[in-house]
PDB file of N, CA and C in Angstrom:
ATOM      1  N   MET A   1     -63.512  55.804  24.639  1.00  0.00           N
ATOM      2  CA  MET A   1     -63.217  56.793  23.768  1.00  0.00           C
ATOM      3  C   MET A   1     -62.984  56.342  22.448  1.00  0.00           C
ATOM      4  N   ILE A   2     -63.693  54.826  21.791  1.00  0.00           N
ATOM      5  CA  ILE A   2     -63.615  54.167  20.716  1.00  0.00           C
ATOM      6  C   ILE A   2     -65.415  54.702  20.700  1.00  0.00           C
ATOM      7  N   ALA A   3     -66.788  55.365  21.640  1.00  0.00           N
ATOM      8  CA  ALA A   3     -67.341  55.642  20.928  1.00  0.00           C
ATOM      9  C   ALA A   3     -67.058  56.808  20.379  1.00  0.00           C
ATOM     10  N   LEU A   4     -66.235  57.962  21.027  1.00  0.00           N
ATOM     11  CA  LEU A   4     -65.983  59.534  20.617  1.00  0.00           C
ATOM     12  C   LEU A   4     -65.585  58.780  19.013  1.00  0.00           C
ATOM     13  N   GLN A   5     -64.521  58.587  18.783  1.00  0.00           N
ATOM     14  CA  GLN A   5     -64.284  58.349  17.839  1.00  0.00           C
ATOM     15  C   GLN A   5     -65.000  57.696  16.252  1.00  0.00           C
ATOM     16  N   HIS A   6     -66.048  56.974  16.570  1.00  0.00           N
ATOM     17  CA  HIS A   6     -67.539  56.501  15.914  1.00  0.00           C
ATOM     18  C   HIS A   6     -68.327  57.980  15.957  1.00  0.00           C
ATOM     19  N   PHE A   7     -68.366  58.056  16.708  1.00  0.00           N
ATOM     20  CA  PHE A   7     -69.207  59.391  16.823  1.00  0.00           C
ATOM     21  C   PHE A   7     -68.284  60.670  15.907  1.00  0.00           C
ATOM     22  N   LEU A   8     -67.503  60.671  15.982  1.00  0.00           N
ATOM     23  CA  LEU A   8     -66.437  62.117  15.075  1.00  0.00           C
ATOM     24  C   LEU A   8     -66.273  61.286  13.480  1.00  0.00           C
ATOM     25  N   ALA A   9     -65.920  60.027  13.354  1.00  0.00           N
ATOM     26  CA  ALA A   9     -66.023  59.166  12.184  1.00  0.00           C
ATOM     27  C   ALA A   9     -67.659  60.138  11.006  1.00  0.00           C
ATOM     28  N   MET A  10     -68.538  59.987  12.113  1.00  0.00           N
ATOM     29  CA  MET A  10     -69.969  60.232  11.831  1.00  0.00           C
ATOM     30  C   MET A  10     -70.617  58.573  10.515  1.00  0.00           C
ATOM     31  N   GLY A  11     -69.782  57.750  10.957  1.00  0.00           N
ATOM     32  CA  GLY A  11     -70.259  56.906  10.171  1.00  0.00           C
ATOM     33  C   GLY A  11     -69.650  56.456   8.894  1.00  0.00           C
ATOM     34  N   GLY A  12     -68.788  57.410   8.842  1.00  0.00           N
ATOM     35  CA  GLY A  12     -67.959  57.776   7.276  1.00  0.00           C
ATOM     36  C   GLY A  12     -68.581  58.824   6.195  1.00  0.00           C
ATOM     37  N   TYR A  13     -68.808  59.909   7.207  1.00  0.00           N
ATOM     38  CA  TYR A  13     -69.711  61.007   6.475  1.00  0.00           C
ATOM     39  C   TYR A  13     -68.776  62.273   7.014  1.00  0.00           C
ATOM     40  N   ALA A  14     -67.616  62.094   7.820  1.00  0.00           N
ATOM     41  CA  ALA A  14     -67.333  62.881   8.433  1.00  0.00           C
ATOM     42  C   ALA A  14     -66.940  64.424   7.676  1.00  0.00           C
ATOM     43  N   ALA A  15     -66.275  63.397   6.229  1.00  0.00           N
ATOM     44  CA  ALA A  15     -65.353  64.127   5.450  1.00  0.00           C
ATOM     45  C   ALA A  15     -66.848  65.647   4.408  1.00  0.00           C
ATOM     46  N   TYR A  16     -67.881  65.049   5.237  1.00  0.00           N
ATOM     47  CA  TYR A  16     -68.857  66.197   4.693  1.00  0.00           C
ATOM     48  C   TYR A  16     -69.968  66.881   5.338  1.00  0.00           C
ATOM     49  N   VAL A  17     -69.659  66.020   6.523  1.00  0.00           N
ATOM     50  CA  VAL A  17     -70.215  66.479   7.850  1.00  0.00           C
ATOM     51  C   VAL A  17     -69.703  67.803   8.685  1.00  0.00           C
ATOM     52  N   TRP A  18     -68.180  67.664   8.921  1.00  0.00           N
ATOM     53  CA  TRP A  18     -67.803  68.561   9.746  1.00  0.00           C
ATOM     54  C   TRP A  18     -66.987  69.861   8.901  1.00  0.00           C
ATOM     55  N   PRO A  19     -67.210  69.406   7.633  1.00  0.00           N
ATOM     56  CA  PRO A  19     -67.412  70.777   6.924  1.00  0.00           C
ATOM     57  C   PRO A  19     -68.123  71.527   7.040  1.00  0.00           C
ATOM     58  N   ALA A  20     -69.680  70.839   6.567  1.00  0.00           N
ATOM     59  CA  ALA A  20     -70.967  71.648   6.443  1.00  0.00           C
ATOM     60  C   ALA A  20     -71.678  72.016   7.997  1.00  0.00           C
ATOM     61  N   TYR A  21     -70.324  71.907   9.076  1.00  0.00           N
ATOM     62  CA  TYR A  21     -71.168  72.349  10.662  1.00  0.00           C
ATOM     63  C   TYR A  21     -69.920  73.875  10.530  1.00  0.00           C
ATOM     64  N   ALA A  22     -68.971  73.348  10.068  1.00  0.00           N
ATOM     65  CA  ALA A  22     -68.011  74.404   9.513  1.00  0.00           C
ATOM     66  C   ALA A  22     -68.584  76.067   8.901  1.00  0.00           C
ATOM     67  N   VAL A  23     -68.806  75.504   7.931  1.00  0.00           N
ATOM     68  CA  VAL A  23     -69.386  77.006   7.162  1.00  0.00           C
ATOM     69  C   VAL A  23     -70.581  77.130   7.436  1.00  0.00           C
ATOM     70  N   PHE A  24     -71.452  76.324   8.687  1.00  0.00           N
ATOM     71  CA  PHE A  24     -72.583  77.091   9.279  1.00  0.00           C
ATOM     72  C   PHE A  24     -72.475  78.404   9.892  1.00  0.00           C
ATOM     73  N   PHE A  25     -70.893  77.397  10.722  1.00  0.00           N
ATOM     74  CA  PHE A  25     -70.511  78.662  12.136  1.00  0.00           C
ATOM     75  C   PHE A  25     -69.631  79.755  11.557  1.00  0.00           C
ATOM     76  N   ILE A  26     -69.200  79.288  10.323  1.00  0.00           N
ATOM     77  CA  ILE A  26     -68.878  81.094   9.866  1.00  0.00           C
ATOM     78  C   ILE A  26     -69.808  81.854   9.041  1.00  0.00           C
ATOM     79  N   VAL A  27     -70.671  81.248   8.621  1.00  0.00           N
ATOM     80  CA  VAL A  27     -71.890  82.134   7.984  1.00  0.00           C
ATOM     81  C   VAL A  27     -72.895  82.859   9.484  1.00  0.00           C
ATOM     82  N   LEU A  28     -72.847  82.341  10.198  1.00  0.00           N
ATOM     83  CA  LEU A  28     -73.403  82.576  11.622  1.00  0.00           C
ATOM     84  C   LEU A  28     -73.050  83.395  11.737  1.00  0.00           C
ATOM     85  N   ILE A  29     -71.933  83.605  11.684  1.00  0.00           N
ATOM     86  CA  ILE A  29     -70.661  85.000  13.509  1.00  0.00           C
ATOM     87  C   ILE A  29     -70.549  85.587  11.363  1.00  0.00           C
ATOM     88  N   ALA A  30     -70.757  85.448  10.721  1.00  0.00           N
ATOM     89  CA  ALA A  30     -70.693  86.430   9.915  1.00  0.00           C
ATOM     90  C   ALA A  30     -72.072  87.496   9.935  1.00  0.00           C
ATOM     91  N   ASP A  31     -73.301  86.860   9.859  1.00  0.00           N
ATOM     92  CA  ASP A  31     -74.271  87.558  10.444  1.00  0.00           C
ATOM     93  C   ASP A  31     -74.317  88.453  11.416  1.00  0.00           C
ATOM     94  N   THR A  32     -73.527  87.372  12.664  1.00  0.00           N
ATOM     95  CA  THR A  32     -73.643  88.822  13.820  1.00  0.00           C
ATOM     96  C   THR A  32     -72.974  89.545  13.222  1.00  0.00           C
ATOM     97  N   LEU A  33     -71.367  89.554  12.744  1.00  0.00           N
ATOM     98  CA  LEU A  33     -70.153  90.965  13.139  1.00  0.00           C
ATOM     99  C   LEU A  33     -71.114  91.795  11.924  1.00  0.00           C
ATOM    100  N   ALA A  34     -71.162  91.319  10.657  1.00  0.00           N
ATOM    101  CA  ALA A  34     -71.716  92.254   9.342  1.00  0.00           C
ATOM    102  C   ALA A  34     -72.566  93.842  10.034  1.00  0.00           C
ATOM    103  N   PRO A  35     -73.597  93.278  10.576  1.00  0.00           N
ATOM    104  CA  PRO A  35     -74.848  94.869  11.259  1.00  0.00           C
ATOM    105  C   PRO A  35     -73.566  95.652  11.653  1.00  0.00           C
ATOM    106  N   ARG A  36     -73.525  94.839  12.799  1.00  0.00           N
ATOM    107  CA  ARG A  36     -72.747  95.707  13.861  1.00  0.00           C
ATOM    108  C   ARG A  36     -71.337  96.098  13.710  1.00  0.00           C
ATOM    109  N   LEU A  37     -70.562  96.068  12.334  1.00  0.00           N
ATOM    110  CA  LEU A  37     -69.689  96.624  11.569  1.00  0.00           C
ATOM    111  C   LEU A  37     -70.218  98.064  10.538  1.00  0.00           C
ATOM    112  N   ARG A  38     -71.315  97.204  10.392  1.00  0.00           N
ATOM    113  CA  ARG A  38     -72.357  98.200   9.260  1.00  0.00           C
ATOM    114  C   ARG A  38     -72.368  99.445  10.232  1.00  0.00           C
ATOM    115  N   ARG A  39     -73.625  99.504  11.672  1.00  0.00           N
ATOM    116  CA  ARG A  39     -73.844  99.876  12.387  1.00  0.00           C
ATOM    117  C   ARG A  39     -72.474 101.517  12.521  1.00  0.00           C
ATOM    118  N   ARG A  40     -70.974 100.612  12.952  1.00  0.00           N
ATOM    119  CA  ARG A  40     -70.198 101.410  13.526  1.00  0.00           C
ATOM    120  C   ARG A  40     -69.960 102.074  11.739  1.00  0.00           C
ATOM    121  N   ARG A  41     -69.632 101.934  11.191  1.00  0.00           N
ATOM    122  CA  ARG A  41     -69.498 102.928   9.598  1.00  0.00           C
ATOM    123  C   ARG A  41     -70.271 103.917   9.674  1.00  0.00           C
ATOM    124  N   VAL A  42     -71.588 103.751  10.087  1.00  0.00           N
ATOM    125  CA  VAL A  42     -72.819 104.393   9.703  1.00  0.00           C
ATOM    126  C   VAL A  42     -71.995 105.124  10.921  1.00  0.00           C
ATOM    127  N   LEU A  43     -72.286 104.962  12.157  1.00  0.00           N
ATOM    128  CA  LEU A  43     -72.762 106.530  12.604  1.00  0.00           C
ATOM    129  C   LEU A  43     -71.278 106.879  12.313  1.00  0.00           C
ATOM    130  N   THR A  44     -69.907 106.483  12.382  1.00  0.00           N
ATOM    131  CA  THR A  44     -68.688 106.924  12.403  1.00  0.00           C
ATOM    132  C   THR A  44     -69.280 108.686  10.545  1.00  0.00           C
ATOM    133  N   GLU A  45     -70.186 108.002   9.696  1.00  0.00           N
ATOM    134  CA  GLU A  45     -69.579 108.661   9.004  1.00  0.00           C
ATOM    135  C   GLU A  45     -70.921 109.284   9.129  1.00  0.00           C
ATOM    136  N   LEU A  46     -71.739 109.513  10.331  1.00  0.00           N
ATOM    137  CA  LEU A  46     -72.804 110.780  10.686  1.00  0.00           C
ATOM    138  C   LEU A  46     -72.499 111.288  11.011  1.00  0.00           C
ATOM    139  N   ARG A  47     -71.278 110.912  12.414  1.00  0.00           N
ATOM    140  CA  ARG A  47     -70.472 112.530  13.053  1.00  0.00           C
ATOM    141  C   ARG A  47     -69.784 113.078  11.998  1.00  0.00           C
ATOM    142  N   ALA A  48     -68.993 112.363  11.590  1.00  0.00           N
ATOM    143  CA  ALA A  48     -67.845 113.596  10.372  1.00  0.00           C
ATOM    144  C   ALA A  48     -69.261 113.848   9.803  1.00  0.00           C
ATOM    145  N   ARG A  49     -70.098 113.404   8.555  1.00  0.00           N
ATOM    146  CA  ARG A  49     -71.203 114.846   8.285  1.00  0.00           C
ATOM    147  C   ARG A  49     -71.647 115.983   9.261  1.00  0.00           C
ATOM    148  N   LEU A  50     -72.078 115.700  10.409  1.00  0.00           N
ATOM    149  CA  LEU A  50     -72.594 116.268  11.217  1.00  0.00           C
ATOM    150  C   LEU A  50     -71.360 117.449  11.896  1.00  0.00           C
ATOM    151  N   ALA A  51     -70.033 116.841  12.048  1.00  0.00           N
ATOM    152  CA  ALA A  51     -69.033 117.867  12.294  1.00  0.00           C
ATOM    153  C   ALA A  51     -68.627 118.264  11.062  1.00  0.00           C
ATOM    154  N   ARG A  52     -68.852 118.032  10.020  1.00  0.00           N
ATOM    155  CA  ARG A  52     -68.377 119.214   8.880  1.00  0.00           C
ATOM    156  C   ARG A  52     -69.470 120.177   8.867  1.00  0.00           C
ATOM    157  N   GLN A  53     -70.548 120.506   8.777  1.00  0.00           N
ATOM    158  CA  GLN A  53     -71.940 120.874   8.876  1.00  0.00           C
ATOM    159  C   GLN A  53     -71.612 122.232   9.372  1.00  0.00           C
ATOM    160  N   SER A  54     -71.718 121.695  11.539  1.00  0.00           N
ATOM    161  CA  SER A  54     -71.263 122.436  12.045  1.00  0.00           C
ATOM    162  C   SER A  54     -70.161 123.661  11.344  1.00  0.00           C
ATOM    163  N   ALA A  55     -69.210 123.186  11.216  1.00  0.00           N
ATOM    164  CA  ALA A  55     -68.258 124.041  11.306  1.00  0.00           C
ATOM    165  C   ALA A  55     -68.155 124.290   9.767  1.00  0.00           C
ATOM    166  N   ARG A  56     -69.406 124.210   8.841  1.00  0.00           N
ATOM    167  CA  ARG A  56     -69.591 125.442   7.523  1.00  0.00           C
ATOM    168  C   ARG A  56     -70.633 126.764   8.152  1.00  0.00           C
ATOM    169  N   GLN A  57     -71.512 125.739   9.325  1.00  0.00           N
ATOM    170  CA  GLN A  57     -72.494 126.619   9.876  1.00  0.00           C
ATOM    171  C   GLN A  57     -71.761 127.866  10.693  1.00  0.00           C
ATOM    172  N   GLU A  58     -70.401 127.589  11.377  1.00  0.00           N
ATOM    173  CA  GLU A  58     -69.676 128.165  12.161  1.00  0.00           C
ATOM    174  C   GLU A  58     -69.218 129.269  11.471  1.00  0.00           C
ATOM    175  N   ARG A  59     -68.522 129.045  10.100  1.00  0.00           N
ATOM    176  CA  ARG A  59     -66.901 129.331   9.731  1.00  0.00           C
ATOM    177  C   ARG A  59     -68.690 130.486   8.972  1.00  0.00           C
ATOM    178  N   LYS A  60     -69.990 129.746   7.888  1.00  0.00           N
ATOM    179  CA  LYS A  60     -70.285 131.042   7.069  1.00  0.00           C
ATOM    180  C   LYS A  60     -71.786 131.543   7.902  1.00  0.00           C
ATOM    181  N   PRO A  61     -71.826 132.962   8.765  1.00  0.00           N
ATOM    182  CA  PRO A  61     -73.374 132.908   9.263  1.00  0.00           C
ATOM    183  C   PRO A  61     -74.152 132.990   8.478  1.00  0.00           C
ATOM    184  N   LEU A  62     -75.555 133.230   9.043  1.00  0.00           N
ATOM    185  CA  LEU A  62     -76.453 132.908   8.180  1.00  0.00           C
ATOM    186  C   LEU A  62     -76.550 134.277   7.411  1.00  0.00           C
ATOM    187  N   SER A  63     -77.028 135.024   6.497  1.00  0.00           N
ATOM    188  CA  SER A  63     -77.717 135.696   5.598  1.00  0.00           C
ATOM    189  C   SER A  63     -78.066 135.987   6.167  1.00  0.00           C
ATOM    190  N   THR A  64     -79.117 137.474   6.077  1.00  0.00           N
ATOM    191  CA  THR A  64     -80.642 137.565   6.301  1.00  0.00           C
ATOM    192  C   THR A  64     -80.368 138.280   5.662  1.00  0.00           C
ATOM    193  N   PRO A  65     -82.013 138.413   4.888  1.00  0.00           N
ATOM    194  CA  PRO A  65     -81.876 139.506   3.662  1.00  0.00           C
ATOM    195  C   PRO A  65     -82.539 141.085   3.971  1.00  0.00           C
ATOM    196  N   PRO A  66     -81.901 141.561   2.828  1.00  0.00           N
ATOM    197  CA  PRO A  66     -81.768 143.191   3.105  1.00  0.00           C
ATOM    198  C   PRO A  66     -83.345 143.679   3.425  1.00  0.00           C
ATOM    199  N   SER A  67     -83.633 144.531   4.060  1.00  0.00           N
ATOM    200  CA  SER A  67     -84.754 144.919   5.035  1.00  0.00           C
ATOM    201  C   SER A  67     -85.351 145.777   3.959  1.00  0.00           C
ATOM    202  N   PRO A  68     -86.550 146.226   3.259  1.00  0.00           N
ATOM    203  CA  PRO A  68     -87.194 146.930   2.647  1.00  0.00           C
ATOM    204  C   PRO A  68     -87.078 148.390   3.356  1.00  0.00           C
TER     205      PRO A  68
END
């Protein structure tokens, strides 16, 4: 148990080491989640855009130029 306490104390530098580990893991998690969330948002926007485009095309039939 004493060995664990010495390890966790980090030779008196625990106040610097453990927050550094915490920041590292927070950044690691953020770097993992950000692209996933961005991808989900972009896909949602693209689906909405495609739905609007298809609704617009169904509503307005394609006009053909008059024949001479």
